[in-house]
Structure formats: C-alpha cells, structure tokens
PDB file of N, CA and C in Angstrom:
ATOM      1  N   MET A   1     186.273 -54.460   9.741  1.00  0.00           N
ATOM      2  CA  MET A   1     185.792 -55.764   8.928  1.00  0.00           C
ATOM      3  C   MET A   1     186.215 -55.823   7.839  1.00  0.00           C
ATOM      4  N   VAL A   2     186.469 -56.562   7.125  1.00  0.00           N
ATOM      5  CA  VAL A   2     186.623 -57.058   5.819  1.00  0.00           C
ATOM      6  C   VAL A   2     185.661 -57.937   5.607  1.00  0.00           C
ATOM      7  N   LEU A   3     184.911 -57.836   4.593  1.00  0.00           N
ATOM      8  CA  LEU A   3     183.488 -58.280   4.028  1.00  0.00           C
ATOM      9  C   LEU A   3     183.635 -58.736   2.385  1.00  0.00           C
ATOM     10  N   ARG A   4     183.074 -59.477   2.095  1.00  0.00           N
ATOM     11  CA  ARG A   4     183.170 -59.664   0.653  1.00  0.00           C
ATOM     12  C   ARG A   4     182.150 -58.738  -0.194  1.00  0.00           C
ATOM     13  N   ARG A   5     182.612 -58.164  -1.357  1.00  0.00           N
ATOM     14  CA  ARG A   5     182.212 -56.712  -1.737  1.00  0.00           C
ATOM     15  C   ARG A   5     180.159 -57.650  -2.228  1.00  0.00           C
ATOM     16  N   GLY A   6     179.484 -56.797  -1.688  1.00  0.00           N
ATOM     17  CA  GLY A   6     178.325 -56.961  -2.066  1.00  0.00           C
ATOM     18  C   GLY A   6     178.001 -56.064  -3.589  1.00  0.00           C
ATOM     19  N   ARG A   7     176.766 -56.619  -4.527  1.00  0.00           N
ATOM     20  CA  ARG A   7     176.364 -55.960  -5.375  1.00  0.00           C
ATOM     21  C   ARG A   7     176.117 -54.358  -5.258  1.00  0.00           C
ATOM     22  N   ARG A   8     176.009 -53.825  -4.192  1.00  0.00           N
ATOM     23  CA  ARG A   8     175.650 -52.321  -3.779  1.00  0.00           C
ATOM     24  C   ARG A   8     176.987 -51.732  -3.675  1.00  0.00           C
ATOM     25  N   VAL A   9     178.209 -52.336  -3.493  1.00  0.00           N
ATOM     26  CA  VAL A   9     179.419 -51.603  -3.643  1.00  0.00           C
ATOM     27  C   VAL A   9     180.030 -51.819  -5.000  1.00  0.00           C
ATOM     28  N   PRO A  10     180.384 -50.605  -5.332  1.00  0.00           N
ATOM     29  CA  PRO A  10     181.351 -50.232  -6.300  1.00  0.00           C
ATOM     30  C   PRO A  10     182.506 -51.025  -6.687  1.00  0.00           C
ATOM     31  N   LEU A  11     182.995 -51.712  -7.868  1.00  0.00           N
ATOM     32  CA  LEU A  11     184.708 -52.504  -8.304  1.00  0.00           C
ATOM     33  C   LEU A  11     185.365 -50.906  -7.763  1.00  0.00           C
ATOM     34  N   GLU A  12     185.218 -49.571  -7.683  1.00  0.00           N
ATOM     35  CA  GLU A  12     186.636 -48.718  -7.598  1.00  0.00           C
ATOM     36  C   GLU A  12     186.263 -48.170  -6.198  1.00  0.00           C
ATOM     37  N   ALA A  13     185.028 -48.692  -5.328  1.00  0.00           N
ATOM     38  CA  ALA A  13     185.732 -48.678  -4.141  1.00  0.00           C
ATOM     39  C   ALA A  13     186.574 -49.762  -3.700  1.00  0.00           C
ATOM     40  N   THR A  14     186.675 -50.940  -4.236  1.00  0.00           N
ATOM     41  CA  THR A  14     187.282 -51.947  -3.721  1.00  0.00           C
ATOM     42  C   THR A  14     188.532 -52.246  -4.514  1.00  0.00           C
ATOM     43  N   GLY A  15     188.836 -51.157  -5.412  1.00  0.00           N
ATOM     44  CA  GLY A  15     190.140 -51.580  -6.105  1.00  0.00           C
ATOM     45  C   GLY A  15     190.015 -52.508  -7.431  1.00  0.00           C
ATOM     46  N   GLY A  16     189.126 -52.696  -7.493  1.00  0.00           N
ATOM     47  CA  GLY A  16     188.814 -54.229  -8.253  1.00  0.00           C
ATOM     48  C   GLY A  16     188.727 -55.404  -7.650  1.00  0.00           C
ATOM     49  N   LEU A  17     188.845 -55.058  -5.875  1.00  0.00           N
ATOM     50  CA  LEU A  17     189.146 -56.752  -5.117  1.00  0.00           C
ATOM     51  C   LEU A  17     187.249 -57.138  -4.956  1.00  0.00           C
ATOM     52  N   LYS A  18     187.444 -58.565  -4.282  1.00  0.00           N
ATOM     53  CA  LYS A  18     186.486 -59.163  -4.125  1.00  0.00           C
ATOM     54  C   LYS A  18     185.771 -58.818  -2.823  1.00  0.00           C
ATOM     55  N   THR A  19     186.714 -58.080  -1.947  1.00  0.00           N
ATOM     56  CA  THR A  19     186.308 -57.867  -0.871  1.00  0.00           C
ATOM     57  C   THR A  19     186.315 -56.118  -0.539  1.00  0.00           C
ATOM     58  N   VAL A  20     185.465 -55.755   0.982  1.00  0.00           N
ATOM     59  CA  VAL A  20     185.903 -53.770   1.490  1.00  0.00           C
ATOM     60  C   VAL A  20     185.927 -54.140   2.374  1.00  0.00           C
ATOM     61  N   ALA A  21     186.846 -52.840   2.987  1.00  0.00           N
ATOM     62  CA  ALA A  21     186.995 -53.520   4.579  1.00  0.00           C
ATOM     63  C   ALA A  21     185.959 -51.902   4.829  1.00  0.00           C
ATOM     64  N   VAL A  22     185.544 -52.599   6.178  1.00  0.00           N
ATOM     65  CA  VAL A  22     184.156 -51.877   6.834  1.00  0.00           C
ATOM     66  C   VAL A  22     184.640 -51.407   8.205  1.00  0.00           C
ATOM     67  N   ARG A  23     184.951 -49.687   8.164  1.00  0.00           N
ATOM     68  CA  ARG A  23     185.343 -49.309   9.740  1.00  0.00           C
ATOM     69  C   ARG A  23     184.147 -48.231  10.255  1.00  0.00           C
ATOM     70  N   VAL A  24     184.020 -48.341  11.622  1.00  0.00           N
ATOM     71  CA  VAL A  24     182.920 -47.400  12.028  1.00  0.00           C
ATOM     72  C   VAL A  24     183.496 -46.271  13.058  1.00  0.00           C
ATOM     73  N   PRO A  25     183.904 -44.913  12.966  1.00  0.00           N
ATOM     74  CA  PRO A  25     184.572 -44.472  13.688  1.00  0.00           C
ATOM     75  C   PRO A  25     184.617 -44.261  14.904  1.00  0.00           C
ATOM     76  N   ASP A  26     185.148 -43.491  15.942  1.00  0.00           N
ATOM     77  CA  ASP A  26     184.702 -43.607  17.335  1.00  0.00           C
ATOM     78  C   ASP A  26     185.147 -42.258  17.584  1.00  0.00           C
ATOM     79  N   HIS A  27     185.113 -41.184  16.566  1.00  0.00           N
ATOM     80  CA  HIS A  27     185.657 -39.771  16.706  1.00  0.00           C
ATOM     81  C   HIS A  27     184.258 -38.600  16.212  1.00  0.00           C
ATOM     82  N   PRO A  28     183.996 -37.719  17.183  1.00  0.00           N
ATOM     83  CA  PRO A  28     182.983 -37.190  17.313  1.00  0.00           C
ATOM     84  C   PRO A  28     182.867 -36.273  15.978  1.00  0.00           C
ATOM     85  N   VAL A  29     183.976 -35.708  15.535  1.00  0.00           N
ATOM     86  CA  VAL A  29     183.836 -34.913  13.958  1.00  0.00           C
ATOM     87  C   VAL A  29     183.404 -36.438  12.769  1.00  0.00           C
ATOM     88  N   ALA A  30     184.386 -37.512  12.804  1.00  0.00           N
ATOM     89  CA  ALA A  30     183.953 -38.078  11.995  1.00  0.00           C
ATOM     90  C   ALA A  30     182.364 -38.695  11.814  1.00  0.00           C
ATOM     91  N   LEU A  31     181.582 -39.076  13.143  1.00  0.00           N
ATOM     92  CA  LEU A  31     180.241 -39.418  13.292  1.00  0.00           C
ATOM     93  C   LEU A  31     179.523 -38.258  12.595  1.00  0.00           C
ATOM     94  N   ALA A  32     179.949 -37.276  13.199  1.00  0.00           N
ATOM     95  CA  ALA A  32     178.814 -35.916  12.414  1.00  0.00           C
ATOM     96  C   ALA A  32     178.876 -35.960  11.306  1.00  0.00           C
ATOM     97  N   LEU A  33     180.218 -35.864  10.586  1.00  0.00           N
ATOM     98  CA  LEU A  33     180.307 -36.013   8.815  1.00  0.00           C
ATOM     99  C   LEU A  33     179.370 -37.035   8.392  1.00  0.00           C
ATOM    100  N   LEU A  34     179.648 -38.318   8.898  1.00  0.00           N
ATOM    101  CA  LEU A  34     178.674 -39.635   8.355  1.00  0.00           C
ATOM    102  C   LEU A  34     176.741 -39.183   8.319  1.00  0.00           C
ATOM    103  N   SER A  35     176.831 -38.739  10.042  1.00  0.00           N
ATOM    104  CA  SER A  35     175.531 -37.861   9.829  1.00  0.00           C
ATOM    105  C   SER A  35     174.852 -37.423   9.037  1.00  0.00           C
ATOM    106  N   VAL A  36     175.685 -36.113   8.557  1.00  0.00           N
ATOM    107  CA  VAL A  36     175.509 -35.361   7.771  1.00  0.00           C
ATOM    108  C   VAL A  36     175.068 -35.694   5.940  1.00  0.00           C
ATOM    109  N   LEU A  37     176.102 -36.648   5.722  1.00  0.00           N
ATOM    110  CA  LEU A  37     175.673 -37.639   4.494  1.00  0.00           C
ATOM    111  C   LEU A  37     174.884 -38.006   4.313  1.00  0.00           C
ATOM    112  N   GLY A  38     174.244 -38.885   5.622  1.00  0.00           N
ATOM    113  CA  GLY A  38     173.325 -40.189   5.791  1.00  0.00           C
ATOM    114  C   GLY A  38     173.371 -41.551   5.457  1.00  0.00           C
ATOM    115  N   ASP A  39     174.538 -41.559   4.793  1.00  0.00           N
ATOM    116  CA  ASP A  39     175.216 -42.758   3.987  1.00  0.00           C
ATOM    117  C   ASP A  39     176.679 -43.182   4.595  1.00  0.00           C
ATOM    118  N   GLY A  40     177.036 -43.931   3.999  1.00  0.00           N
ATOM    119  CA  GLY A  40     178.539 -44.355   4.206  1.00  0.00           C
ATOM    120  C   GLY A  40     179.408 -43.628   3.869  1.00  0.00           C
ATOM    121  N   ALA A  41     180.973 -43.187   3.732  1.00  0.00           N
ATOM    122  CA  ALA A  41     181.469 -42.612   2.774  1.00  0.00           C
ATOM    123  C   ALA A  41     182.719 -43.789   2.447  1.00  0.00           C
ATOM    124  N   ALA A  42     183.203 -44.072   0.935  1.00  0.00           N
ATOM    125  CA  ALA A  42     184.287 -44.407   0.645  1.00  0.00           C
ATOM    126  C   ALA A  42     185.690 -43.849   0.486  1.00  0.00           C
ATOM    127  N   ALA A  43     186.898 -44.189   0.886  1.00  0.00           N
ATOM    128  CA  ALA A  43     187.906 -43.480   0.941  1.00  0.00           C
ATOM    129  C   ALA A  43     189.061 -44.564   0.536  1.00  0.00           C
ATOM    130  N   PRO A  44     190.201 -44.114  -0.253  1.00  0.00           N
ATOM    131  CA  PRO A  44     191.237 -44.978  -0.424  1.00  0.00           C
ATOM    132  C   PRO A  44     192.070 -45.579   1.063  1.00  0.00           C
ATOM    133  N   SER A  45     192.761 -46.521   1.001  1.00  0.00           N
ATOM    134  CA  SER A  45     193.111 -46.816   1.963  1.00  0.00           C
ATOM    135  C   SER A  45     194.855 -46.281   2.203  1.00  0.00           C
ATOM    136  N   ALA A  46     195.386 -45.909   3.642  1.00  0.00           N
ATOM    137  CA  ALA A  46     196.438 -45.301   3.672  1.00  0.00           C
ATOM    138  C   ALA A  46     197.807 -46.221   3.780  1.00  0.00           C
ATOM    139  N   ASN A  47     197.212 -48.084   3.306  1.00  0.00           N
ATOM    140  CA  ASN A  47     197.856 -48.780   3.220  1.00  0.00           C
ATOM    141  C   ASN A  47     198.371 -49.244   1.656  1.00  0.00           C
ATOM    142  N   ARG A  48     199.335 -49.661   1.786  1.00  0.00           N
ATOM    143  CA  ARG A  48     200.169 -50.181   0.414  1.00  0.00           C
ATOM    144  C   ARG A  48     199.403 -51.013  -0.364  1.00  0.00           C
ATOM    145  N   PHE A  49     199.283 -51.141  -1.780  1.00  0.00           N
ATOM    146  CA  PHE A  49     198.039 -51.554  -2.063  1.00  0.00           C
ATOM    147  C   PHE A  49     199.103 -52.668  -3.495  1.00  0.00           C
ATOM    148  N   SER A  50     199.091 -53.571  -3.396  1.00  0.00           N
ATOM    149  CA  SER A  50     199.867 -54.508  -4.663  1.00  0.00           C
ATOM    150  C   SER A  50     198.839 -55.121  -5.415  1.00  0.00           C
ATOM    151  N   CYS A  51     198.967 -55.079  -6.974  1.00  0.00           N
ATOM    152  CA  CYS A  51     198.162 -55.646  -7.609  1.00  0.00           C
ATOM    153  C   CYS A  51     198.471 -57.595  -7.429  1.00  0.00           C
ATOM    154  N   LEU A  52     199.600 -57.719  -6.547  1.00  0.00           N
ATOM    155  CA  LEU A  52     199.242 -59.059  -6.816  1.00  0.00           C
ATOM    156  C   LEU A  52     198.446 -59.444  -5.552  1.00  0.00           C
ATOM    157  N   ALA A  53     197.870 -58.994  -4.617  1.00  0.00           N
ATOM    158  CA  ALA A  53     196.883 -58.799  -3.821  1.00  0.00           C
ATOM    159  C   ALA A  53     195.614 -59.652  -4.606  1.00  0.00           C
ATOM    160  N   ARG A  54     195.161 -59.507  -5.612  1.00  0.00           N
ATOM    161  CA  ARG A  54     194.213 -60.046  -6.067  1.00  0.00           C
ATOM    162  C   ARG A  54     194.133 -61.310  -6.440  1.00  0.00           C
TER     163      ARG A  54
END
C-alpha cells in the first residue's frame, strides 16, 4: 500500500517524498526477522527513483 507519510515516519525513510510504501512479507524468514525487531524495518526500494517524482 502507498500511504501518506505520517509524522512518525522519518523523511529519510521516504527519500523526502510525502508518501511511503508499506509491505507485509509472506516469507517465514522475513516474518521471523520482523518479529525479532519488534517493529517495522525501512529499506530502499529496488525501483529506480527520480527527483522528478517529487
């Protein structure tokens, strides 16, 4: 899902954009890692990014 960035989401996690993409994995290793973290994880997208998208 692509959502508007809330105040709790740092600008660094969105590349300065006003939206953030939220994904929930369906892989046991990824789910176990998120369980250990106890919270979410932020990672860059594998998609190409353009400053024109702002």
